[in-house]
Protein backbone atom coordinates (compact mmCIF):
# COMPACT_ATOMS: atom_id res chain seq x y z
CA MET A 1 -0.01 -0.04 0.09
CA SER A 2 1.33 3.38 -0.94
CA ARG A 3 1.68 6.28 1.54
CA TYR A 4 -1.11 8.00 -0.35
CA ASP A 5 -3.47 5.04 0.32
CA GLU A 6 -2.39 4.80 3.95
CA LEU A 7 -3.13 8.49 4.46
CA MET A 8 -6.51 8.37 2.68
CA ALA A 9 -7.43 5.46 4.96
CA PHE A 10 -6.14 7.08 8.04
CA GLU A 11 -8.55 6.78 10.98
CA PHE A 12 -9.10 9.78 13.32
CA PRO A 13 -10.66 9.10 16.64
CA ARG A 14 -14.04 10.68 17.38
CA ILE A 15 -13.50 13.89 19.28
CA GLU A 16 -15.93 15.07 21.93
CA HIS A 17 -15.40 18.66 23.18
CA SER A 18 -17.27 20.52 25.86
CA TYR A 19 -16.55 24.22 26.05
CA SER A 20 -17.83 27.07 28.26
CA GLU A 21 -18.41 30.84 27.87
CA ARG A 22 -14.92 31.20 29.29
CA ASP A 23 -13.50 29.20 26.29
CA THR A 24 -15.52 31.35 23.93
CA ILE A 25 -14.09 34.56 25.42
CA LEU A 26 -10.55 33.19 25.47
CA TYR A 27 -10.81 32.32 21.74
CA ALA A 28 -12.00 35.76 20.96
CA LEU A 29 -9.07 37.26 22.85
CA GLY A 30 -6.66 35.09 20.80
CA ALA A 31 -8.36 36.45 17.66
CA GLY A 32 -7.68 40.05 18.86
CA ALA A 33 -11.18 40.98 20.09
CA GLY A 34 -11.71 43.39 22.93
CA TRP A 35 -8.88 45.88 22.21
CA ASN A 36 -11.51 48.63 21.99
CA TRP A 37 -13.41 48.10 25.15
CA GLN A 38 -15.60 51.07 24.46
CA ASP A 39 -16.98 49.53 21.18
CA PRO A 40 -20.10 47.34 21.88
CA ALA A 41 -19.44 45.43 18.68
CA GLU A 42 -16.10 44.25 20.07
CA LEU A 43 -17.29 43.86 23.73
CA ARG A 44 -19.94 41.40 22.82
CA PHE A 45 -17.22 38.82 21.95
CA VAL A 46 -15.37 39.12 25.26
CA TYR A 47 -18.11 39.88 27.81
CA GLU A 48 -20.45 37.17 29.15
CA LYS A 49 -23.41 39.64 29.14
CA ASN A 50 -25.10 38.84 25.88
CA LEU A 51 -22.00 36.93 24.79
CA THR A 52 -21.76 36.44 21.04
CA THR A 53 -19.54 33.67 19.55
CA LEU A 54 -17.14 34.79 16.90
CA PRO A 55 -18.09 32.69 13.91
CA SER A 56 -14.45 31.64 13.23
CA MET A 57 -14.40 29.82 16.55
CA ALA A 58 -15.75 26.83 14.56
CA VAL A 59 -12.13 26.08 13.74
CA THR A 60 -11.49 25.22 17.35
CA LEU A 61 -14.56 22.91 17.98
CA ALA A 62 -13.81 19.19 18.14
CA TYR A 63 -10.39 20.18 16.78
CA PRO A 64 -7.84 17.32 16.32
CA GLY A 65 -5.00 19.50 17.35
CA PHE A 66 -1.48 19.01 16.00
CA TRP A 67 -2.54 15.73 14.59
CA TYR A 68 0.28 15.69 12.03
CA ARG A 69 2.57 14.83 14.99
CA ASP A 70 0.32 13.71 17.84
CA LEU A 71 -1.62 11.03 15.92
CA ASN A 72 1.55 9.73 14.13
CA PRO A 73 0.31 9.48 10.59
CA GLY A 74 3.85 9.34 9.26
CA LEU A 75 4.22 12.95 8.04
CA ASP A 76 7.16 15.35 8.44
CA PHE A 77 5.36 17.48 11.01
CA ILE A 78 8.29 19.86 11.41
CA ARG A 79 7.87 20.95 7.81
CA THR A 80 4.11 21.09 7.80
CA VAL A 81 2.31 24.49 7.63
CA HIS A 82 -1.24 25.53 7.43
CA ALA A 83 -2.30 26.24 3.77
CA SER A 84 -6.00 27.21 3.91
CA GLU A 85 -9.17 27.00 6.06
CA ARG A 86 -12.83 26.91 5.19
CA ILE A 87 -15.81 27.04 7.62
CA LEU A 88 -19.47 26.51 6.70
CA LEU A 89 -21.87 27.60 9.48
CA HIS A 90 -25.22 25.88 9.44
CA ARG A 91 -26.42 28.13 12.29
CA PRO A 92 -24.84 30.57 14.79
CA LEU A 93 -22.39 28.90 17.18
CA PRO A 94 -23.63 28.54 20.77
CA ALA A 95 -21.60 30.35 23.40
CA ALA A 96 -21.30 27.02 25.40
CA ALA A 97 -22.06 23.46 24.32
CA THR A 98 -20.82 19.93 24.04
CA VAL A 99 -19.98 19.02 20.41
CA SER A 100 -18.33 16.10 18.62
CA ALA A 101 -16.82 15.26 15.28
CA LYS A 102 -14.84 12.62 13.52
CA PRO A 103 -12.37 14.14 10.97
CA ASP A 104 -11.36 12.44 7.74
CA ILE A 105 -8.74 13.05 5.11
CA VAL A 106 -10.83 13.84 2.07
CA ALA A 107 -8.18 14.75 -0.53
CA ILE A 108 -4.46 14.78 -1.21
CA TYR A 109 -2.91 16.98 -3.93
CA ASP A 110 0.63 15.52 -4.40
CA ARG A 111 3.05 17.91 -5.97
CA GLY A 112 5.72 15.22 -6.51
CA GLU A 113 8.86 14.16 -4.87
CA GLY A 114 10.66 17.02 -3.14
CA ARG A 115 7.76 19.43 -3.73
CA GLY A 116 5.43 18.48 -0.94
CA SER A 117 1.73 17.79 -0.86
CA LEU A 118 -1.52 19.45 0.16
CA ILE A 119 -3.64 17.30 2.55
CA VAL A 120 -7.22 18.24 3.11
CA SER A 121 -9.11 17.12 6.21
CA ARG A 122 -12.76 17.76 6.99
CA ARG A 123 -15.01 17.38 10.07
CA GLU A 124 -18.71 17.90 10.56
CA ILE A 125 -19.39 19.19 14.01
CA PHE A 126 -22.54 18.15 15.85
CA GLU A 127 -23.97 19.62 19.04
CA ALA A 128 -24.96 16.86 21.57
CA GLY A 129 -28.54 15.84 21.16
CA SER A 130 -28.77 16.92 17.56
CA ASP A 131 -28.57 15.14 14.24
CA GLU A 132 -27.95 18.37 12.29
CA PRO A 133 -24.32 19.66 12.07
CA VAL A 134 -23.69 23.09 13.55
CA ALA A 135 -20.61 23.63 11.33
CA THR A 136 -18.40 21.99 8.77
CA VAL A 137 -14.70 22.72 8.83
CA GLU A 138 -12.21 21.96 6.05
CA GLN A 139 -8.50 22.35 6.63
CA THR A 140 -5.62 22.11 4.17
CA ALA A 141 -2.04 21.53 5.31
CA PHE A 142 0.99 22.04 3.14
CA CYS A 143 3.23 19.10 3.98
CA ARG A 144 6.47 20.43 2.57
CA GLY A 145 8.42 17.25 3.31
CA ASP A 146 5.88 14.86 1.96
CA GLY A 147 5.84 14.93 -1.83
CA GLY A 148 5.82 11.79 -3.95
CA LEU A 149 3.29 9.84 -1.87
CA GLY A 150 2.45 7.37 -4.63
CA GLY A 151 -1.05 8.62 -5.55
CA PRO A 152 -2.36 10.70 -8.43
CA GLN A 153 -0.56 14.01 -9.04
CA ILE A 154 -3.40 16.36 -9.77
CA PRO A 155 -3.58 20.14 -9.08
CA ALA A 156 -5.78 21.47 -6.28
CA PRO A 157 -8.93 23.22 -7.50
CA ALA A 158 -8.29 26.89 -8.10
CA PRO A 159 -10.46 29.44 -6.41
CA PRO A 160 -12.25 32.20 -8.49
CA PRO A 161 -10.09 35.22 -9.14
CA LEU A 162 -10.37 38.40 -7.05
CA PRO A 163 -12.25 41.29 -8.68
CA GLN A 164 -10.22 43.33 -11.14
CA ARG A 165 -11.03 46.66 -9.58
CA PRO A 166 -9.81 48.63 -6.54
CA PRO A 167 -11.09 47.19 -3.20
CA ASP A 168 -14.20 48.75 -1.79
CA LEU A 169 -12.59 48.95 1.74
CA ILE A 170 -9.12 48.86 3.23
CA THR A 171 -9.11 48.10 6.98
CA HIS A 172 -6.57 47.16 9.65
CA ALA A 173 -6.16 44.98 12.67
CA ALA A 174 -3.29 45.22 15.17
CA ILE A 175 -1.95 41.88 16.41
CA SER A 176 -0.86 41.70 20.09
CA PRO A 177 2.61 40.52 20.74
CA GLN A 178 0.95 37.80 22.99
CA ALA A 179 -1.54 36.73 20.37
CA ALA A 180 0.09 33.33 19.67
CA GLN A 181 0.52 32.63 23.40
CA ILE A 182 -3.16 33.30 24.03
CA TYR A 183 -4.45 31.61 20.95
CA ARG A 184 -2.70 28.33 21.67
CA LEU A 185 -4.84 28.01 24.83
CA SER A 186 -7.73 27.24 22.48
CA GLY A 187 -6.18 23.95 21.54
CA ASP A 188 -3.34 24.40 19.04
CA TYR A 189 -0.17 23.59 20.84
CA ASN A 190 2.10 23.38 17.88
CA PRO A 191 5.51 24.56 19.31
CA LEU A 192 6.07 26.48 16.06
CA HIS A 193 3.96 29.30 17.65
CA VAL A 194 5.78 29.63 20.93
CA ASP A 195 9.25 27.92 20.91
CA PRO A 196 11.97 29.96 19.27
CA ASP A 197 14.27 26.93 18.82
CA PHE A 198 11.51 24.94 17.20
CA ALA A 199 10.57 27.87 14.94
CA ARG A 200 14.26 28.16 13.81
CA SER A 201 14.44 24.43 13.06
CA ALA A 202 11.36 24.86 10.83
CA GLY A 203 13.14 27.75 8.93
CA PHE A 204 11.47 30.69 10.61
CA GLU A 205 13.27 33.59 12.38
CA GLN A 206 10.90 33.50 15.31
CA PRO A 207 7.69 31.86 16.42
CA ILE A 208 4.91 32.66 14.00
CA LEU A 209 1.26 33.44 14.61
CA HIS A 210 -1.17 30.55 14.14
CA GLY A 211 -2.77 30.74 10.77
CA LEU A 212 -6.17 30.25 12.57
CA SER A 213 -5.51 33.23 14.80
CA THR A 214 -4.90 35.31 11.66
CA TYR A 215 -8.11 33.85 10.41
CA GLY A 216 -9.95 35.00 13.47
CA HIS A 217 -8.50 38.57 13.19
CA ILE A 218 -9.75 38.67 9.57
CA CYS A 219 -13.16 37.33 10.55
CA ARG A 220 -13.58 40.25 12.90
CA LEU A 221 -12.68 42.74 10.16
CA LEU A 222 -15.20 41.16 7.80
CA ILE A 223 -17.98 41.25 10.35
CA ALA A 224 -17.31 44.89 11.15
CA ALA A 225 -17.32 45.72 7.45
CA GLN A 226 -20.57 43.93 6.75
CA GLY A 227 -22.46 45.25 9.79
CA ASP A 228 -23.40 44.10 13.18
CA ASN A 229 -26.70 42.50 12.13
CA ALA A 230 -25.04 40.33 9.47
CA SER A 231 -24.65 36.55 10.02
CA MET A 232 -21.58 34.85 8.58
CA ARG A 233 -22.43 31.65 6.73
CA MET A 234 -18.99 30.75 5.21
CA MET A 235 -15.38 31.91 5.20
CA ASP A 236 -12.49 30.51 3.14
CA CYS A 237 -8.99 31.69 2.38
CA ARG A 238 -5.43 30.62 1.77
CA PHE A 239 -2.41 31.37 3.93
CA THR A 240 0.39 32.54 1.77
CA ALA A 241 3.06 33.91 4.18
CA PRO A 242 3.68 33.86 7.87
CA VAL A 243 2.32 36.54 10.22
CA PHE A 244 4.20 37.30 13.39
CA PRO A 245 2.85 38.46 16.80
CA GLY A 246 3.02 42.26 16.91
CA ASP A 247 2.30 42.63 13.21
CA THR A 248 -0.48 44.75 11.82
CA LEU A 249 -2.83 43.15 9.29
CA THR A 250 -4.04 45.27 6.41
CA ALA A 251 -7.10 43.85 4.63
CA ALA A 252 -8.59 44.76 1.20
CA ILE A 253 -12.25 43.86 0.90
CA TRP A 254 -14.46 43.76 -2.22
CA PHE A 255 -18.28 43.62 -1.68
CA ASP A 256 -20.56 41.60 -3.95
CA GLY A 257 -24.07 41.35 -2.49
CA PRO A 258 -23.98 38.87 0.30
CA MET A 259 -20.45 37.85 -0.66
CA MET A 260 -17.14 39.43 0.25
CA ARG A 261 -13.75 38.75 -1.33
CA PHE A 262 -10.57 39.68 0.49
CA GLN A 263 -6.76 39.72 0.77
CA ALA A 264 -4.51 40.74 3.66
CA TRP A 265 -0.91 41.97 4.03
CA ALA A 266 1.52 42.25 6.95
CA ARG A 267 5.11 43.59 6.68
CA ASP A 268 4.32 44.33 2.93
CA ARG A 269 3.79 40.65 2.31
CA LEU A 270 0.61 39.10 1.10
CA VAL A 271 -0.42 36.76 3.94
CA ILE A 272 -4.05 35.94 3.03
CA ASP A 273 -5.16 35.42 -0.51
CA LYS A 274 -8.16 34.15 -2.42
CA GLY A 275 -10.45 35.00 0.51
CA ILE A 276 -14.24 34.67 0.14
CA ALA A 277 -16.95 34.97 2.81
CA GLU A 278 -20.71 34.73 2.63
CA PHE A 279 -23.28 36.43 4.89
CA THR A 280 -26.96 35.89 5.25
């Protein structure tokens, strides 16, 4: 059996996850919420009075963690980085609940020996007592040391191009120097985001921000741009360069009815590309 076949057949355990309003607030803090304590639109994500769950928190629910290492699938986890993330929300996320999911590897896009591969995992998240999923999360990892797995070498689907016109909005989000240290408490303990020696061994000058913390920062900017009464249904984007704690994100947003398209930069580098979000 090829490594491709082994990975496609890889069995994740079922994950049960109970979280509280405290966890919901902690996640929001790791995504940069609450800096402007005078803004009710920000306060609602970090204050238990009428607490609102940031939609991007779906990425943490029944999360398999740093499974590239911890579940021992045979991948070069030191050279694995986050490539993209997509959430589909079937209803607003509760501020506290018990949820479960069983992830699966649903696609592998092998770039060939020495060129790495893209590995796509997906999980449907169910709230206890319900047969209807609350969210579906799809994550793509760029496994830089795992090309030539023995399966078909086909390109990953290309997202639609961004609009060929100036953006409708340019907006910014400052990232706390402690953002990665806070965000990891929501369940992603990859040492790449906290350990300087590990970060250097992976080829980075210092620990980098979690891609999913960047994702949460961008989610907040999109919600603010769309309006407080809007409900996010879907968000999808690619991670194209590392973001570091202490950076400032600059997002370009294009409006298209209930859809948004977006990119983001930090340190004059494109760090988020091919972004698309849908609101209801």
